[in-house]
Amino acid sequence: MSTQQATRIIDETSARVREILLDAARLPDWNSAFLSIEDPGGTAADREFAIVVRPGLRGTWRYTVIEDERIDTAWKVPGFAETGTWQLRPHSTGRTLVTHGFEHRGPLARVLANAYRGVAEVRLDRLAQRAAAMGPAPLPRVEDDPGQL
C-alpha cells in the first residue's frame, strides 16, 4: 500500500473545480493515466463507469462521496486499486484550496510505487491547467431587482 497527498491553491471557484472533478467523461483530458471513461449518463455516488487506463487495462471508476467540499473516488483494474479524496475549501475571492490524497493497493501498485511518486502534485497542477483552459466561471446572474439598484 502507498499513499500520497498534496495541496494547491487553484485560481478558480470551488464550484468550477467541483464541476471539473465531477465530469468523469472528461477526466482523460487532464489525467493521462486514463485512456477513456465511459459515462453511463449522470454523476452519482456509487455509479460505476467503465474505464481503460494505460497501457490498456480495463476496470471501473466510481465516485464514493459527493459533497460540496469533498469528492471521494475509487478505481480499479486487475492488480491495482486506488481510493482518492479531493477536498475543496474556498480560499479567497475566486480561488480554492484543494487537497488531493490517494491510496494504492494491489500487486501492480507495489510494482508502480516509484512511478507514482509526486503524482498528487501533478494531478493538482493538471487540474489547475484544466480550470485555466476553461476560462473563468460565469458570474451568477442578478435579476433586475429594484431593491439592489
N, C-alpha and C. Protein backbone atom coordinates (compact mmCIF):
# COMPACT_ATOMS: atom_id res chain seq x y z
N MET A 1 0.85 -1.18 0.00
CA MET A 1 0.00 0.00 0.00
C MET A 1 0.89 1.24 0.00
N SER A 2 0.52 2.23 -0.79
CA SER A 2 1.23 3.51 -0.78
C SER A 2 0.22 4.63 -0.75
N THR A 3 0.59 5.75 -0.13
CA THR A 3 -0.30 6.90 -0.02
C THR A 3 0.45 8.17 -0.41
N GLN A 4 -0.30 9.13 -0.88
CA GLN A 4 0.24 10.45 -1.21
C GLN A 4 -0.81 11.50 -0.91
N GLN A 5 -0.32 12.73 -0.69
CA GLN A 5 -1.23 13.86 -0.51
C GLN A 5 -0.50 15.14 -0.88
N ALA A 6 -1.23 16.07 -1.47
CA ALA A 6 -0.68 17.38 -1.82
C ALA A 6 -1.80 18.41 -1.76
N THR A 7 -1.41 19.68 -1.63
CA THR A 7 -2.36 20.79 -1.55
C THR A 7 -1.90 21.91 -2.47
N ARG A 8 -2.84 22.53 -3.16
CA ARG A 8 -2.56 23.67 -4.04
C ARG A 8 -3.71 24.67 -3.95
N ILE A 9 -3.40 25.93 -4.20
CA ILE A 9 -4.42 26.94 -4.39
C ILE A 9 -4.66 27.03 -5.88
N ILE A 10 -5.91 26.88 -6.28
CA ILE A 10 -6.28 26.92 -7.69
C ILE A 10 -7.08 28.20 -7.93
N ASP A 11 -6.69 28.90 -8.97
CA ASP A 11 -7.32 30.19 -9.29
C ASP A 11 -8.67 30.00 -9.97
N GLU A 12 -9.56 29.39 -9.23
CA GLU A 12 -10.92 29.17 -9.72
C GLU A 12 -11.82 28.91 -8.52
N THR A 13 -13.10 29.14 -8.70
CA THR A 13 -14.05 28.91 -7.61
C THR A 13 -14.15 27.43 -7.29
N SER A 14 -14.56 27.13 -6.07
CA SER A 14 -14.73 25.73 -5.70
C SER A 14 -15.84 25.08 -6.52
N ALA A 15 -16.85 25.87 -6.93
CA ALA A 15 -17.91 25.32 -7.78
C ALA A 15 -17.35 24.87 -9.12
N ARG A 16 -16.44 25.65 -9.72
CA ARG A 16 -15.85 25.27 -11.00
C ARG A 16 -14.93 24.06 -10.83
N VAL A 17 -14.14 24.03 -9.77
CA VAL A 17 -13.26 22.88 -9.52
C VAL A 17 -14.11 21.62 -9.34
N ARG A 18 -15.17 21.74 -8.59
CA ARG A 18 -16.08 20.61 -8.37
C ARG A 18 -16.68 20.14 -9.69
N GLU A 19 -17.08 21.08 -10.54
CA GLU A 19 -17.63 20.76 -11.86
C GLU A 19 -16.64 19.94 -12.68
N ILE A 20 -15.37 20.34 -12.67
CA ILE A 20 -14.33 19.63 -13.41
C ILE A 20 -14.17 18.22 -12.86
N LEU A 21 -14.09 18.10 -11.55
CA LEU A 21 -13.88 16.79 -10.93
C LEU A 21 -15.05 15.84 -11.15
N LEU A 22 -16.26 16.38 -11.29
CA LEU A 22 -17.44 15.54 -11.46
C LEU A 22 -17.77 15.26 -12.93
N ASP A 23 -16.96 15.73 -13.84
CA ASP A 23 -17.15 15.44 -15.27
C ASP A 23 -16.27 14.24 -15.62
N ALA A 24 -16.74 13.05 -15.23
CA ALA A 24 -15.94 11.83 -15.36
C ALA A 24 -15.50 11.58 -16.80
N ALA A 25 -16.36 11.79 -17.76
CA ALA A 25 -16.01 11.52 -19.15
C ALA A 25 -14.85 12.38 -19.64
N ARG A 26 -14.62 13.54 -19.00
CA ARG A 26 -13.54 14.45 -19.41
C ARG A 26 -12.27 14.27 -18.59
N LEU A 27 -12.26 13.38 -17.59
CA LEU A 27 -11.05 13.17 -16.80
C LEU A 27 -9.83 12.80 -17.65
N PRO A 28 -9.98 11.99 -18.71
CA PRO A 28 -8.80 11.69 -19.53
C PRO A 28 -8.19 12.91 -20.21
N ASP A 29 -8.93 14.02 -20.30
CA ASP A 29 -8.39 15.25 -20.89
C ASP A 29 -7.28 15.84 -20.03
N TRP A 30 -7.30 15.59 -18.73
CA TRP A 30 -6.28 16.18 -17.86
C TRP A 30 -5.59 15.17 -16.94
N ASN A 31 -6.01 13.92 -16.97
CA ASN A 31 -5.33 12.87 -16.21
C ASN A 31 -4.88 11.81 -17.20
N SER A 32 -3.59 11.82 -17.52
CA SER A 32 -3.07 10.97 -18.59
C SER A 32 -3.05 9.48 -18.25
N ALA A 33 -3.34 9.10 -17.01
CA ALA A 33 -3.43 7.67 -16.69
C ALA A 33 -4.64 7.03 -17.36
N PHE A 34 -5.67 7.85 -17.61
CA PHE A 34 -6.90 7.33 -18.19
C PHE A 34 -6.90 7.48 -19.70
N LEU A 35 -7.17 6.41 -20.40
CA LEU A 35 -7.35 6.48 -21.84
C LEU A 35 -8.79 6.80 -22.17
N SER A 36 -9.73 6.23 -21.39
CA SER A 36 -11.14 6.54 -21.60
C SER A 36 -11.93 6.19 -20.35
N ILE A 37 -13.03 6.93 -20.18
CA ILE A 37 -14.02 6.64 -19.14
C ILE A 37 -15.37 6.73 -19.82
N GLU A 38 -16.10 5.64 -19.77
CA GLU A 38 -17.42 5.60 -20.39
C GLU A 38 -18.44 6.18 -19.42
N ASP A 39 -19.07 7.25 -19.84
CA ASP A 39 -20.04 7.93 -18.99
C ASP A 39 -21.41 7.28 -19.18
N PRO A 40 -21.93 6.63 -18.12
CA PRO A 40 -23.25 5.99 -18.25
C PRO A 40 -24.40 6.98 -18.18
N GLY A 41 -24.10 8.26 -18.07
CA GLY A 41 -25.15 9.27 -18.01
C GLY A 41 -25.43 9.68 -16.59
N GLY A 42 -24.96 10.84 -16.22
CA GLY A 42 -25.20 11.36 -14.88
C GLY A 42 -24.13 10.94 -13.89
N THR A 43 -23.91 11.80 -12.93
CA THR A 43 -22.92 11.53 -11.89
C THR A 43 -23.64 11.33 -10.57
N ALA A 44 -23.37 10.23 -9.95
CA ALA A 44 -23.95 9.94 -8.64
C ALA A 44 -22.99 9.05 -7.89
N ALA A 45 -23.01 9.15 -6.57
CA ALA A 45 -22.16 8.29 -5.76
C ALA A 45 -22.51 6.83 -6.02
N ASP A 46 -21.49 6.03 -6.15
CA ASP A 46 -21.56 4.58 -6.35
C ASP A 46 -22.04 4.13 -7.73
N ARG A 47 -22.21 5.03 -8.67
CA ARG A 47 -22.49 4.63 -10.05
C ARG A 47 -21.14 4.27 -10.69
N GLU A 48 -21.05 3.10 -11.31
CA GLU A 48 -19.79 2.66 -11.91
C GLU A 48 -19.66 3.10 -13.35
N PHE A 49 -18.45 3.48 -13.69
CA PHE A 49 -18.08 3.87 -15.04
C PHE A 49 -17.03 2.88 -15.53
N ALA A 50 -17.14 2.42 -16.76
CA ALA A 50 -16.11 1.55 -17.35
C ALA A 50 -14.92 2.43 -17.73
N ILE A 51 -13.71 1.98 -17.39
CA ILE A 51 -12.51 2.75 -17.71
C ILE A 51 -11.49 1.89 -18.46
N VAL A 52 -10.63 2.58 -19.18
CA VAL A 52 -9.44 1.97 -19.77
C VAL A 52 -8.28 2.86 -19.35
N VAL A 53 -7.27 2.26 -18.71
CA VAL A 53 -6.09 3.00 -18.26
C VAL A 53 -4.86 2.50 -19.01
N ARG A 54 -3.83 3.32 -18.97
CA ARG A 54 -2.57 2.92 -19.61
C ARG A 54 -2.05 1.68 -18.92
N PRO A 55 -1.62 0.71 -19.61
CA PRO A 55 -1.42 0.54 -21.05
C PRO A 55 -2.55 -0.23 -21.73
N GLY A 56 -3.78 0.01 -21.36
CA GLY A 56 -4.92 -0.68 -21.96
C GLY A 56 -5.67 -1.58 -21.00
N LEU A 57 -5.38 -1.45 -19.70
CA LEU A 57 -6.09 -2.26 -18.71
C LEU A 57 -7.51 -1.73 -18.54
N ARG A 58 -8.46 -2.65 -18.41
CA ARG A 58 -9.87 -2.28 -18.25
C ARG A 58 -10.29 -2.48 -16.80
N GLY A 59 -11.17 -1.59 -16.35
CA GLY A 59 -11.65 -1.68 -14.98
C GLY A 59 -12.85 -0.80 -14.77
N THR A 60 -12.99 -0.33 -13.52
CA THR A 60 -14.15 0.50 -13.16
C THR A 60 -13.70 1.72 -12.37
N TRP A 61 -14.50 2.78 -12.48
CA TRP A 61 -14.31 4.05 -11.76
C TRP A 61 -15.63 4.38 -11.09
N ARG A 62 -15.58 4.98 -9.91
CA ARG A 62 -16.82 5.44 -9.28
C ARG A 62 -16.51 6.55 -8.28
N TYR A 63 -17.51 7.38 -8.07
CA TYR A 63 -17.47 8.37 -7.01
C TYR A 63 -18.07 7.70 -5.78
N THR A 64 -17.39 7.77 -4.65
CA THR A 64 -17.93 7.14 -3.44
C THR A 64 -18.58 8.16 -2.51
N VAL A 65 -18.13 9.41 -2.58
CA VAL A 65 -18.72 10.50 -1.81
C VAL A 65 -18.76 11.73 -2.71
N ILE A 66 -19.91 12.40 -2.76
CA ILE A 66 -20.04 13.66 -3.49
C ILE A 66 -20.69 14.66 -2.56
N GLU A 67 -19.89 15.60 -2.09
CA GLU A 67 -20.38 16.68 -1.23
C GLU A 67 -19.87 18.00 -1.79
N ASP A 68 -20.35 19.11 -1.26
CA ASP A 68 -19.91 20.42 -1.75
C ASP A 68 -18.41 20.61 -1.62
N GLU A 69 -17.83 20.17 -0.50
CA GLU A 69 -16.41 20.41 -0.26
C GLU A 69 -15.58 19.14 -0.26
N ARG A 70 -16.15 18.03 -0.71
CA ARG A 70 -15.40 16.78 -0.71
C ARG A 70 -15.92 15.85 -1.79
N ILE A 71 -14.99 15.27 -2.53
CA ILE A 71 -15.32 14.27 -3.54
C ILE A 71 -14.35 13.11 -3.34
N ASP A 72 -14.89 11.93 -3.11
CA ASP A 72 -14.07 10.72 -2.98
C ASP A 72 -14.29 9.84 -4.20
N THR A 73 -13.23 9.19 -4.63
CA THR A 73 -13.27 8.35 -5.82
C THR A 73 -12.61 7.00 -5.54
N ALA A 74 -12.94 6.05 -6.39
CA ALA A 74 -12.29 4.74 -6.32
C ALA A 74 -12.23 4.18 -7.74
N TRP A 75 -11.08 3.64 -8.09
CA TRP A 75 -11.00 2.97 -9.37
C TRP A 75 -10.09 1.75 -9.23
N LYS A 76 -10.37 0.77 -10.09
CA LYS A 76 -9.56 -0.45 -10.02
C LYS A 76 -9.46 -1.10 -11.39
N VAL A 77 -8.34 -1.73 -11.58
CA VAL A 77 -8.06 -2.58 -12.73
C VAL A 77 -7.39 -3.82 -12.15
N PRO A 78 -7.23 -4.88 -12.91
CA PRO A 78 -6.60 -6.07 -12.34
C PRO A 78 -5.24 -5.76 -11.69
N GLY A 79 -5.12 -6.08 -10.40
CA GLY A 79 -3.88 -5.91 -9.66
C GLY A 79 -3.63 -4.52 -9.10
N PHE A 80 -4.56 -3.60 -9.28
CA PHE A 80 -4.33 -2.21 -8.85
C PHE A 80 -5.66 -1.59 -8.45
N ALA A 81 -5.66 -0.92 -7.29
CA ALA A 81 -6.85 -0.20 -6.84
C ALA A 81 -6.43 1.12 -6.21
N GLU A 82 -7.18 2.18 -6.51
CA GLU A 82 -6.92 3.48 -5.91
C GLU A 82 -8.18 4.01 -5.27
N THR A 83 -8.04 4.53 -4.04
CA THR A 83 -9.10 5.32 -3.42
C THR A 83 -8.52 6.71 -3.24
N GLY A 84 -9.32 7.72 -3.59
CA GLY A 84 -8.81 9.09 -3.53
C GLY A 84 -9.82 10.05 -2.94
N THR A 85 -9.30 11.18 -2.47
CA THR A 85 -10.12 12.23 -1.90
C THR A 85 -9.68 13.57 -2.46
N TRP A 86 -10.66 14.41 -2.77
CA TRP A 86 -10.44 15.80 -3.17
C TRP A 86 -11.20 16.65 -2.18
N GLN A 87 -10.50 17.51 -1.44
CA GLN A 87 -11.14 18.43 -0.50
C GLN A 87 -11.03 19.83 -1.07
N LEU A 88 -12.16 20.54 -1.12
CA LEU A 88 -12.24 21.86 -1.72
C LEU A 88 -12.63 22.88 -0.65
N ARG A 89 -11.80 23.88 -0.46
CA ARG A 89 -12.09 24.92 0.52
C ARG A 89 -11.96 26.28 -0.15
N PRO A 90 -13.03 27.09 -0.15
CA PRO A 90 -12.87 28.44 -0.69
C PRO A 90 -11.70 29.12 0.03
N HIS A 91 -10.82 29.76 -0.74
CA HIS A 91 -9.61 30.35 -0.15
C HIS A 91 -9.68 31.86 -0.11
N SER A 92 -9.98 32.46 -1.20
CA SER A 92 -10.18 33.90 -1.31
C SER A 92 -11.07 34.09 -2.53
N THR A 93 -11.41 35.30 -2.83
CA THR A 93 -12.34 35.54 -3.92
C THR A 93 -11.90 34.82 -5.19
N GLY A 94 -12.71 33.87 -5.62
CA GLY A 94 -12.45 33.16 -6.86
C GLY A 94 -11.34 32.14 -6.81
N ARG A 95 -10.85 31.78 -5.64
CA ARG A 95 -9.76 30.80 -5.51
C ARG A 95 -10.19 29.68 -4.57
N THR A 96 -9.56 28.53 -4.75
CA THR A 96 -9.92 27.36 -3.95
C THR A 96 -8.66 26.64 -3.47
N LEU A 97 -8.64 26.29 -2.21
CA LEU A 97 -7.58 25.46 -1.65
C LEU A 97 -8.01 24.01 -1.85
N VAL A 98 -7.25 23.28 -2.66
CA VAL A 98 -7.59 21.90 -3.00
C VAL A 98 -6.54 20.97 -2.41
N THR A 99 -7.00 19.99 -1.64
CA THR A 99 -6.12 18.95 -1.13
C THR A 99 -6.54 17.64 -1.78
N HIS A 100 -5.56 16.97 -2.37
CA HIS A 100 -5.83 15.69 -3.03
C HIS A 100 -4.93 14.63 -2.40
N GLY A 101 -5.55 13.55 -2.00
CA GLY A 101 -4.81 12.43 -1.45
C GLY A 101 -5.33 11.14 -2.03
N PHE A 102 -4.46 10.12 -2.07
CA PHE A 102 -4.91 8.83 -2.55
C PHE A 102 -4.08 7.71 -1.95
N GLU A 103 -4.64 6.52 -2.06
CA GLU A 103 -4.00 5.31 -1.56
C GLU A 103 -4.08 4.25 -2.65
N HIS A 104 -2.98 3.56 -2.86
CA HIS A 104 -2.93 2.47 -3.84
C HIS A 104 -2.74 1.13 -3.14
N ARG A 105 -3.40 0.12 -3.68
CA ARG A 105 -3.28 -1.25 -3.16
C ARG A 105 -3.16 -2.22 -4.33
N GLY A 106 -2.58 -3.37 -4.05
CA GLY A 106 -2.51 -4.45 -5.02
C GLY A 106 -1.09 -4.70 -5.52
N PRO A 107 -0.88 -5.86 -6.13
CA PRO A 107 0.47 -6.21 -6.59
C PRO A 107 1.01 -5.26 -7.65
N LEU A 108 0.17 -4.81 -8.55
CA LEU A 108 0.62 -3.86 -9.57
C LEU A 108 0.97 -2.51 -8.93
N ALA A 109 0.24 -2.14 -7.90
CA ALA A 109 0.52 -0.89 -7.18
C ALA A 109 1.91 -0.94 -6.56
N ARG A 110 2.31 -2.09 -6.04
CA ARG A 110 3.65 -2.23 -5.46
C ARG A 110 4.72 -2.06 -6.53
N VAL A 111 4.48 -2.63 -7.69
CA VAL A 111 5.45 -2.52 -8.80
C VAL A 111 5.56 -1.07 -9.29
N LEU A 112 4.45 -0.35 -9.30
CA LEU A 112 4.41 1.01 -9.84
C LEU A 112 4.63 2.10 -8.79
N ALA A 113 4.93 1.74 -7.55
CA ALA A 113 5.02 2.72 -6.46
C ALA A 113 5.98 3.86 -6.80
N ASN A 114 7.15 3.58 -7.33
CA ASN A 114 8.10 4.64 -7.66
C ASN A 114 7.59 5.53 -8.78
N ALA A 115 6.89 4.96 -9.75
CA ALA A 115 6.36 5.75 -10.87
C ALA A 115 5.28 6.72 -10.40
N TYR A 116 4.62 6.43 -9.29
CA TYR A 116 3.55 7.29 -8.80
C TYR A 116 4.03 8.36 -7.82
N ARG A 117 5.33 8.41 -7.53
CA ARG A 117 5.83 9.47 -6.63
C ARG A 117 5.57 10.83 -7.26
N GLY A 118 5.02 11.73 -6.48
CA GLY A 118 4.75 13.08 -6.96
C GLY A 118 3.48 13.22 -7.78
N VAL A 119 2.72 12.16 -7.94
CA VAL A 119 1.53 12.21 -8.79
C VAL A 119 0.42 13.07 -8.19
N ALA A 120 0.31 13.15 -6.89
CA ALA A 120 -0.72 14.03 -6.29
C ALA A 120 -0.47 15.47 -6.73
N GLU A 121 0.79 15.91 -6.71
CA GLU A 121 1.14 17.26 -7.16
C GLU A 121 0.85 17.45 -8.64
N VAL A 122 1.20 16.43 -9.43
CA VAL A 122 0.96 16.50 -10.88
C VAL A 122 -0.52 16.62 -11.17
N ARG A 123 -1.34 15.85 -10.49
CA ARG A 123 -2.79 15.92 -10.71
C ARG A 123 -3.34 17.30 -10.36
N LEU A 124 -2.85 17.89 -9.26
CA LEU A 124 -3.31 19.23 -8.90
C LEU A 124 -2.87 20.26 -9.94
N ASP A 125 -1.65 20.13 -10.44
CA ASP A 125 -1.19 21.05 -11.49
C ASP A 125 -2.05 20.92 -12.74
N ARG A 126 -2.37 19.70 -13.12
CA ARG A 126 -3.20 19.49 -14.31
C ARG A 126 -4.63 19.97 -14.10
N LEU A 127 -5.14 19.80 -12.89
CA LEU A 127 -6.47 20.32 -12.56
C LEU A 127 -6.47 21.84 -12.71
N ALA A 128 -5.43 22.49 -12.20
CA ALA A 128 -5.32 23.94 -12.32
C ALA A 128 -5.24 24.36 -13.78
N GLN A 129 -4.48 23.62 -14.58
CA GLN A 129 -4.37 23.93 -16.01
C GLN A 129 -5.71 23.75 -16.71
N ARG A 130 -6.43 22.70 -16.35
CA ARG A 130 -7.76 22.45 -16.93
C ARG A 130 -8.71 23.61 -16.59
N ALA A 131 -8.68 24.04 -15.33
CA ALA A 131 -9.54 25.15 -14.91
C ALA A 131 -9.18 26.42 -15.68
N ALA A 132 -7.89 26.69 -15.84
CA ALA A 132 -7.45 27.89 -16.56
C ALA A 132 -7.87 27.82 -18.02
N ALA A 133 -7.79 26.65 -18.62
CA ALA A 133 -8.16 26.48 -20.03
C ALA A 133 -9.65 26.70 -20.26
N MET A 134 -10.46 26.43 -19.24
CA MET A 134 -11.91 26.60 -19.37
C MET A 134 -12.32 28.07 -19.28
N GLY A 135 -11.44 28.91 -18.78
CA GLY A 135 -11.78 30.30 -18.60
C GLY A 135 -12.54 30.49 -17.31
N PRO A 136 -12.76 31.74 -16.91
CA PRO A 136 -13.44 31.98 -15.64
C PRO A 136 -14.87 31.47 -15.65
N ALA A 137 -15.30 31.03 -14.50
CA ALA A 137 -16.68 30.59 -14.34
C ALA A 137 -17.60 31.78 -14.54
N PRO A 138 -18.76 31.56 -15.15
CA PRO A 138 -19.69 32.68 -15.32
C PRO A 138 -20.15 33.21 -13.97
N LEU A 139 -20.31 34.51 -13.91
CA LEU A 139 -20.81 35.12 -12.67
C LEU A 139 -22.29 34.83 -12.52
N PRO A 140 -22.76 34.68 -11.29
CA PRO A 140 -24.19 34.46 -11.10
C PRO A 140 -24.97 35.66 -11.64
N ARG A 141 -26.09 35.40 -12.22
CA ARG A 141 -26.91 36.47 -12.80
C ARG A 141 -27.76 37.12 -11.72
N VAL A 142 -27.70 38.42 -11.65
CA VAL A 142 -28.52 39.16 -10.71
C VAL A 142 -29.72 39.67 -11.50
N GLU A 143 -30.89 39.24 -11.09
CA GLU A 143 -32.11 39.66 -11.76
C GLU A 143 -32.35 41.13 -11.49
N ASP A 144 -33.07 41.76 -12.34
CA ASP A 144 -33.42 43.17 -12.16
C ASP A 144 -34.29 43.31 -10.93
N ASP A 145 -33.67 43.61 -9.83
CA ASP A 145 -34.36 43.76 -8.54
C ASP A 145 -34.20 45.22 -8.12
N PRO A 146 -35.29 45.98 -8.11
CA PRO A 146 -35.18 47.40 -7.75
C PRO A 146 -34.52 47.61 -6.39
N GLY A 147 -34.62 46.64 -5.50
CA GLY A 147 -34.00 46.78 -4.19
C GLY A 147 -32.49 46.68 -4.24
N GLN A 148 -31.92 46.15 -5.33
CA GLN A 148 -30.48 46.01 -5.45
C GLN A 148 -29.85 47.11 -6.28
N LEU A 149 -30.65 48.00 -6.83
CA LEU A 149 -30.11 49.06 -7.69
C LEU A 149 -29.63 50.24 -6.87
